[in-house]
Amino acid sequence: KGNCYDNAVMENFFGHLKEELFHHVRFLNTDALAPALHEYIHWYNNDRISTKLEGLSPVQYRAQALAA
């Protein structure tokens, strides 16, 4: 039996994706959507600054944790 927290991480990501990408741009077709989606996912995973990660990007936070 599943619980409501199983999808919490993905629901959070999709909420950010919709707010930061889809609500600001209207895509005419999937050929225009695909590169924008790939660029957003790369930014989200590598470059965005997060207060939960002490003001670091996810990549910087992971590197800092591995160096310790």
PDB file of N, CA and C in Angstrom:
ATOM      1  N   LYS A   1       0.849  -1.178   0.000  1.00  0.00           N
ATOM      2  CA  LYS A   1       0.000   0.000   0.000  1.00  0.00           C
ATOM      3  C   LYS A   1       0.893   1.239   0.000  1.00  0.00           C
ATOM      4  N   GLY A   2       0.647   2.147  -0.927  1.00  0.00           N
ATOM      5  CA  GLY A   2       1.436   3.366  -1.014  1.00  0.00           C
ATOM      6  C   GLY A   2       0.994   4.402   0.006  1.00  0.00           C
ATOM      7  N   ASN A   3       1.836   5.365   0.215  1.00  0.00           N
ATOM      8  CA  ASN A   3       1.419   6.478   1.072  1.00  0.00           C
ATOM      9  C   ASN A   3       1.674   7.792   0.339  1.00  0.00           C
ATOM     10  N   CYS A   4       1.148   8.845   0.855  1.00  0.00           N
ATOM     11  CA  CYS A   4       1.175  10.128   0.154  1.00  0.00           C
ATOM     12  C   CYS A   4       2.572  10.715   0.038  1.00  0.00           C
ATOM     13  N   TYR A   5       3.534  10.234   0.783  1.00  0.00           N
ATOM     14  CA  TYR A   5       4.883  10.785   0.736  1.00  0.00           C
ATOM     15  C   TYR A   5       5.768  10.105  -0.304  1.00  0.00           C
ATOM     16  N   ASP A   6       5.287   9.037  -0.935  1.00  0.00           N
ATOM     17  CA  ASP A   6       6.086   8.327  -1.925  1.00  0.00           C
ATOM     18  C   ASP A   6       6.469   9.217  -3.098  1.00  0.00           C
ATOM     19  N   ASN A   7       5.574  10.070  -3.541  1.00  0.00           N
ATOM     20  CA  ASN A   7       5.825  10.916  -4.699  1.00  0.00           C
ATOM     21  C   ASN A   7       6.164  12.351  -4.333  1.00  0.00           C
ATOM     22  N   ALA A   8       6.433  12.643  -3.113  1.00  0.00           N
ATOM     23  CA  ALA A   8       6.624  14.020  -2.660  1.00  0.00           C
ATOM     24  C   ALA A   8       7.759  14.719  -3.393  1.00  0.00           C
ATOM     25  N   VAL A   9       8.864  14.047  -3.615  1.00  0.00           N
ATOM     26  CA  VAL A   9      10.009  14.669  -4.273  1.00  0.00           C
ATOM     27  C   VAL A   9       9.671  15.015  -5.722  1.00  0.00           C
ATOM     28  N   MET A  10       9.060  14.088  -6.436  1.00  0.00           N
ATOM     29  CA  MET A  10       8.708  14.349  -7.835  1.00  0.00           C
ATOM     30  C   MET A  10       7.601  15.391  -7.943  1.00  0.00           C
ATOM     31  N   GLU A  11       6.628  15.355  -7.064  1.00  0.00           N
ATOM     32  CA  GLU A  11       5.568  16.370  -7.092  1.00  0.00           C
ATOM     33  C   GLU A  11       6.162  17.754  -6.850  1.00  0.00           C
ATOM     34  N   ASN A  12       7.136  17.850  -5.962  1.00  0.00           N
ATOM     35  CA  ASN A  12       7.807  19.120  -5.703  1.00  0.00           C
ATOM     36  C   ASN A  12       8.545  19.595  -6.955  1.00  0.00           C
ATOM     37  N   PHE A  13       9.280  18.685  -7.609  1.00  0.00           N
ATOM     38  CA  PHE A  13       9.991  19.045  -8.824  1.00  0.00           C
ATOM     39  C   PHE A  13       9.035  19.521  -9.913  1.00  0.00           C
ATOM     40  N   PHE A  14       7.954  18.781 -10.141  1.00  0.00           N
ATOM     41  CA  PHE A  14       7.002  19.170 -11.178  1.00  0.00           C
ATOM     42  C   PHE A  14       6.328  20.500 -10.848  1.00  0.00           C
ATOM     43  N   GLY A  15       6.115  20.784  -9.586  1.00  0.00           N
ATOM     44  CA  GLY A  15       5.576  22.078  -9.196  1.00  0.00           C
ATOM     45  C   GLY A  15       6.520  23.204  -9.567  1.00  0.00           C
ATOM     46  N   HIS A  16       7.814  23.015  -9.284  1.00  0.00           N
ATOM     47  CA  HIS A  16       8.819  24.015  -9.674  1.00  0.00           C
ATOM     48  C   HIS A  16       8.893  24.147 -11.189  1.00  0.00           C
ATOM     49  N   LEU A  17       8.881  23.021 -11.879  1.00  0.00           N
ATOM     50  CA  LEU A  17       8.959  23.023 -13.340  1.00  0.00           C
ATOM     51  C   LEU A  17       7.805  23.816 -13.951  1.00  0.00           C
ATOM     52  N   LYS A  18       6.607  23.554 -13.488  1.00  0.00           N
ATOM     53  CA  LYS A  18       5.454  24.267 -14.027  1.00  0.00           C
ATOM     54  C   LYS A  18       5.517  25.752 -13.714  1.00  0.00           C
ATOM     55  N   GLU A  19       5.882  26.092 -12.498  1.00  0.00           N
ATOM     56  CA  GLU A  19       5.918  27.499 -12.105  1.00  0.00           C
ATOM     57  C   GLU A  19       7.027  28.266 -12.828  1.00  0.00           C
ATOM     58  N   GLU A  20       8.199  27.663 -12.965  1.00  0.00           N
ATOM     59  CA  GLU A  20       9.346  28.377 -13.494  1.00  0.00           C
ATOM     60  C   GLU A  20       9.494  28.283 -15.005  1.00  0.00           C
ATOM     61  N   LEU A  21       8.851  27.313 -15.638  1.00  0.00           N
ATOM     62  CA  LEU A  21       9.022  27.155 -17.080  1.00  0.00           C
ATOM     63  C   LEU A  21       7.699  27.287 -17.827  1.00  0.00           C
ATOM     64  N   PHE A  22       6.736  26.464 -17.515  1.00  0.00           N
ATOM     65  CA  PHE A  22       5.516  26.412 -18.305  1.00  0.00           C
ATOM     66  C   PHE A  22       4.613  27.621 -18.133  1.00  0.00           C
ATOM     67  N   HIS A  23       4.600  28.240 -16.981  1.00  0.00           N
ATOM     68  CA  HIS A  23       3.713  29.377 -16.765  1.00  0.00           C
ATOM     69  C   HIS A  23       4.251  30.661 -17.382  1.00  0.00           C
ATOM     70  N   HIS A  24       5.485  30.651 -17.872  1.00  0.00           N
ATOM     71  CA  HIS A  24       6.097  31.855 -18.415  1.00  0.00           C
ATOM     72  C   HIS A  24       6.302  31.808 -19.924  1.00  0.00           C
ATOM     73  N   VAL A  25       6.238  30.610 -20.502  1.00  0.00           N
ATOM     74  CA  VAL A  25       6.510  30.448 -21.928  1.00  0.00           C
ATOM     75  C   VAL A  25       5.419  29.588 -22.545  1.00  0.00           C
ATOM     76  N   ARG A  26       4.999  29.956 -23.732  1.00  0.00           N
ATOM     77  CA  ARG A  26       4.037  29.136 -24.467  1.00  0.00           C
ATOM     78  C   ARG A  26       4.786  28.441 -25.601  1.00  0.00           C
ATOM     79  N   PHE A  27       4.803  27.116 -25.576  1.00  0.00           N
ATOM     80  CA  PHE A  27       5.512  26.338 -26.587  1.00  0.00           C
ATOM     81  C   PHE A  27       4.545  25.971 -27.697  1.00  0.00           C
ATOM     82  N   LEU A  28       4.978  26.174 -28.928  1.00  0.00           N
ATOM     83  CA  LEU A  28       4.118  25.919 -30.079  1.00  0.00           C
ATOM     84  C   LEU A  28       4.089  24.453 -30.471  1.00  0.00           C
ATOM     85  N   ASN A  29       5.165  23.723 -30.167  1.00  0.00           N
ATOM     86  CA  ASN A  29       5.210  22.298 -30.493  1.00  0.00           C
ATOM     87  C   ASN A  29       6.239  21.605 -29.604  1.00  0.00           C
ATOM     88  N   THR A  30       6.302  20.285 -29.721  1.00  0.00           N
ATOM     89  CA  THR A  30       7.234  19.526 -28.875  1.00  0.00           C
ATOM     90  C   THR A  30       8.685  19.753 -29.277  1.00  0.00           C
ATOM     91  N   ASP A  31       8.917  20.154 -30.541  1.00  0.00           N
ATOM     92  CA  ASP A  31      10.284  20.445 -30.961  1.00  0.00           C
ATOM     93  C   ASP A  31      10.852  21.653 -30.222  1.00  0.00           C
ATOM     94  N   ALA A  32      10.007  22.580 -29.847  1.00  0.00           N
ATOM     95  CA  ALA A  32      10.442  23.741 -29.066  1.00  0.00           C
ATOM     96  C   ALA A  32      10.504  23.414 -27.577  1.00  0.00           C
ATOM     97  N   LEU A  33       9.654  22.512 -27.132  1.00  0.00           N
ATOM     98  CA  LEU A  33       9.601  22.153 -25.712  1.00  0.00           C
ATOM     99  C   LEU A  33      10.799  21.323 -25.267  1.00  0.00           C
ATOM    100  N   ALA A  34      11.201  20.356 -26.067  1.00  0.00           N
ATOM    101  CA  ALA A  34      12.246  19.410 -25.656  1.00  0.00           C
ATOM    102  C   ALA A  34      13.547  20.094 -25.244  1.00  0.00           C
ATOM    103  N   PRO A  35      14.124  20.998 -26.064  1.00  0.00           N
ATOM    104  CA  PRO A  35      15.378  21.640 -25.624  1.00  0.00           C
ATOM    105  C   PRO A  35      15.202  22.498 -24.370  1.00  0.00           C
ATOM    106  N   ALA A  36      14.067  23.175 -24.257  1.00  0.00           N
ATOM    107  CA  ALA A  36      13.822  23.994 -23.066  1.00  0.00           C
ATOM    108  C   ALA A  36      13.728  23.119 -21.822  1.00  0.00           C
ATOM    109  N   LEU A  37      13.106  21.972 -21.952  1.00  0.00           N
ATOM    110  CA  LEU A  37      12.976  21.044 -20.828  1.00  0.00           C
ATOM    111  C   LEU A  37      14.332  20.491 -20.419  1.00  0.00           C
ATOM    112  N   HIS A  38      15.145  20.110 -21.381  1.00  0.00           N
ATOM    113  CA  HIS A  38      16.485  19.605 -21.082  1.00  0.00           C
ATOM    114  C   HIS A  38      17.338  20.682 -20.412  1.00  0.00           C
ATOM    115  N   GLU A  39      17.234  21.899 -20.906  1.00  0.00           N
ATOM    116  CA  GLU A  39      17.990  23.010 -20.320  1.00  0.00           C
ATOM    117  C   GLU A  39      17.540  23.281 -18.880  1.00  0.00           C
ATOM    118  N   TYR A  40      16.229  23.231 -18.645  1.00  0.00           N
ATOM    119  CA  TYR A  40      15.712  23.458 -17.290  1.00  0.00           C
ATOM    120  C   TYR A  40      16.197  22.368 -16.338  1.00  0.00           C
ATOM    121  N   ILE A  41      16.130  21.121 -16.760  1.00  0.00           N
ATOM    122  CA  ILE A  41      16.557  20.013 -15.892  1.00  0.00           C
ATOM    123  C   ILE A  41      18.046  20.126 -15.587  1.00  0.00           C
ATOM    124  N   HIS A  42      18.847  20.485 -16.582  1.00  0.00           N
ATOM    125  CA  HIS A  42      20.280  20.676 -16.331  1.00  0.00           C
ATOM    126  C   HIS A  42      20.495  21.793 -15.317  1.00  0.00           C
ATOM    127  N   TRP A  43      19.807  22.910 -15.511  1.00  0.00           N
ATOM    128  CA  TRP A  43      19.918  24.026 -14.556  1.00  0.00           C
ATOM    129  C   TRP A  43      19.479  23.593 -13.165  1.00  0.00           C
ATOM    130  N   TYR A  44      18.364  22.886 -13.068  1.00  0.00           N
ATOM    131  CA  TYR A  44      17.817  22.478 -11.778  1.00  0.00           C
ATOM    132  C   TYR A  44      18.788  21.566 -11.032  1.00  0.00           C
ATOM    133  N   ASN A  45      19.420  20.657 -11.747  1.00  0.00           N
ATOM    134  CA  ASN A  45      20.326  19.699 -11.113  1.00  0.00           C
ATOM    135  C   ASN A  45      21.722  20.238 -10.854  1.00  0.00           C
ATOM    136  N   ASN A  46      22.167  21.228 -11.631  1.00  0.00           N
ATOM    137  CA  ASN A  46      23.565  21.645 -11.557  1.00  0.00           C
ATOM    138  C   ASN A  46      23.811  23.069 -11.096  1.00  0.00           C
ATOM    139  N   ASP A  47      22.940  24.000 -11.422  1.00  0.00           N
ATOM    140  CA  ASP A  47      23.263  25.407 -11.221  1.00  0.00           C
ATOM    141  C   ASP A  47      22.403  26.154 -10.216  1.00  0.00           C
ATOM    142  N   ARG A  48      21.209  25.678  -9.935  1.00  0.00           N
ATOM    143  CA  ARG A  48      20.316  26.469  -9.082  1.00  0.00           C
ATOM    144  C   ARG A  48      20.854  26.540  -7.656  1.00  0.00           C
ATOM    145  N   ILE A  49      20.630  27.665  -7.037  1.00  0.00           N
ATOM    146  CA  ILE A  49      21.056  27.874  -5.662  1.00  0.00           C
ATOM    147  C   ILE A  49      19.893  27.509  -4.747  1.00  0.00           C
ATOM    148  N   SER A  50      20.182  26.767  -3.701  1.00  0.00           N
ATOM    149  CA  SER A  50      19.143  26.315  -2.784  1.00  0.00           C
ATOM    150  C   SER A  50      19.492  26.722  -1.356  1.00  0.00           C
ATOM    151  N   THR A  51      18.545  27.333  -0.674  1.00  0.00           N
ATOM    152  CA  THR A  51      18.792  27.705   0.723  1.00  0.00           C
ATOM    153  C   THR A  51      18.882  26.466   1.607  1.00  0.00           C
ATOM    154  N   LYS A  52      18.205  25.397   1.219  1.00  0.00           N
ATOM    155  CA  LYS A  52      18.285  24.158   2.002  1.00  0.00           C
ATOM    156  C   LYS A  52      19.663  23.510   1.900  1.00  0.00           C
ATOM    157  N   LEU A  53      20.396  23.878   0.864  1.00  0.00           N
ATOM    158  CA  LEU A  53      21.747  23.340   0.672  1.00  0.00           C
ATOM    159  C   LEU A  53      22.804  24.373   1.034  1.00  0.00           C
ATOM    160  N   GLU A  54      22.472  25.219   1.998  1.00  0.00           N
ATOM    161  CA  GLU A  54      23.392  26.227   2.527  1.00  0.00           C
ATOM    162  C   GLU A  54      23.832  27.238   1.471  1.00  0.00           C
ATOM    163  N   GLY A  55      22.941  27.567   0.535  1.00  0.00           N
ATOM    164  CA  GLY A  55      23.244  28.555  -0.490  1.00  0.00           C
ATOM    165  C   GLY A  55      24.115  28.048  -1.621  1.00  0.00           C
ATOM    166  N   LEU A  56      24.259  26.734  -1.729  1.00  0.00           N
ATOM    167  CA  LEU A  56      25.068  26.132  -2.777  1.00  0.00           C
ATOM    168  C   LEU A  56      24.173  25.477  -3.827  1.00  0.00           C
ATOM    169  N   SER A  57      24.734  25.228  -4.994  1.00  0.00           N
ATOM    170  CA  SER A  57      24.015  24.444  -5.988  1.00  0.00           C
ATOM    171  C   SER A  57      24.110  22.971  -5.574  1.00  0.00           C
ATOM    172  N   PRO A  58      23.249  22.105  -6.118  1.00  0.00           N
ATOM    173  CA  PRO A  58      23.334  20.685  -5.756  1.00  0.00           C
ATOM    174  C   PRO A  58      24.711  20.072  -6.048  1.00  0.00           C
ATOM    175  N   VAL A  59      25.316  20.443  -7.166  1.00  0.00           N
ATOM    176  CA  VAL A  59      26.637  19.905  -7.506  1.00  0.00           C
ATOM    177  C   VAL A  59      27.686  20.384  -6.503  1.00  0.00           C
ATOM    178  N   GLN A  60      27.657  21.648  -6.149  1.00  0.00           N
ATOM    179  CA  GLN A  60      28.612  22.173  -5.175  1.00  0.00           C
ATOM    180  C   GLN A  60      28.424  21.516  -3.810  1.00  0.00           C
ATOM    181  N   TYR A  61      27.167  21.317  -3.407  1.00  0.00           N
ATOM    182  CA  TYR A  61      26.877  20.705  -2.116  1.00  0.00           C
ATOM    183  C   TYR A  61      27.391  19.269  -2.062  1.00  0.00           C
ATOM    184  N   ARG A  62      27.157  18.500  -3.141  1.00  0.00           N
ATOM    185  CA  ARG A  62      27.630  17.121  -3.192  1.00  0.00           C
ATOM    186  C   ARG A  62      29.163  17.069  -3.170  1.00  0.00           C
ATOM    187  N   ALA A  63      29.806  17.958  -3.915  1.00  0.00           N
ATOM    188  CA  ALA A  63      31.269  17.990  -3.938  1.00  0.00           C
ATOM    189  C   ALA A  63      31.824  18.322  -2.566  1.00  0.00           C
ATOM    190  N   GLN A  64      31.186  19.264  -1.873  1.00  0.00           N
ATOM    191  CA  GLN A  64      31.616  19.645  -0.533  1.00  0.00           C
ATOM    192  C   GLN A  64      31.442  18.475   0.434  1.00  0.00           C
ATOM    193  N   ALA A  65      30.332  17.764   0.310  1.00  0.00           N
ATOM    194  CA  ALA A  65      30.079  16.627   1.196  1.00  0.00           C
ATOM    195  C   ALA A  65      31.082  15.502   0.940  1.00  0.00           C
ATOM    196  N   LEU A  66      31.428  15.275  -0.314  1.00  0.00           N
ATOM    197  CA  LEU A  66      32.390  14.213  -0.636  1.00  0.00           C
ATOM    198  C   LEU A  66      33.809  14.573  -0.207  1.00  0.00           C
ATOM    199  N   ALA A  67      34.133  15.858  -0.215  1.00  0.00           N
ATOM    200  CA  ALA A  67      35.461  16.308   0.168  1.00  0.00           C
ATOM    201  C   ALA A  67      35.693  16.221   1.679  1.00  0.00           C
ATOM    202  N   ALA A  68      34.603  16.237   2.447  1.00  0.00           N
ATOM    203  CA  ALA A  68      34.717  16.234   3.906  1.00  0.00           C
ATOM    204  C   ALA A  68      35.075  14.892   4.466  1.00  0.00           C
TER     205      ALA A  68
END
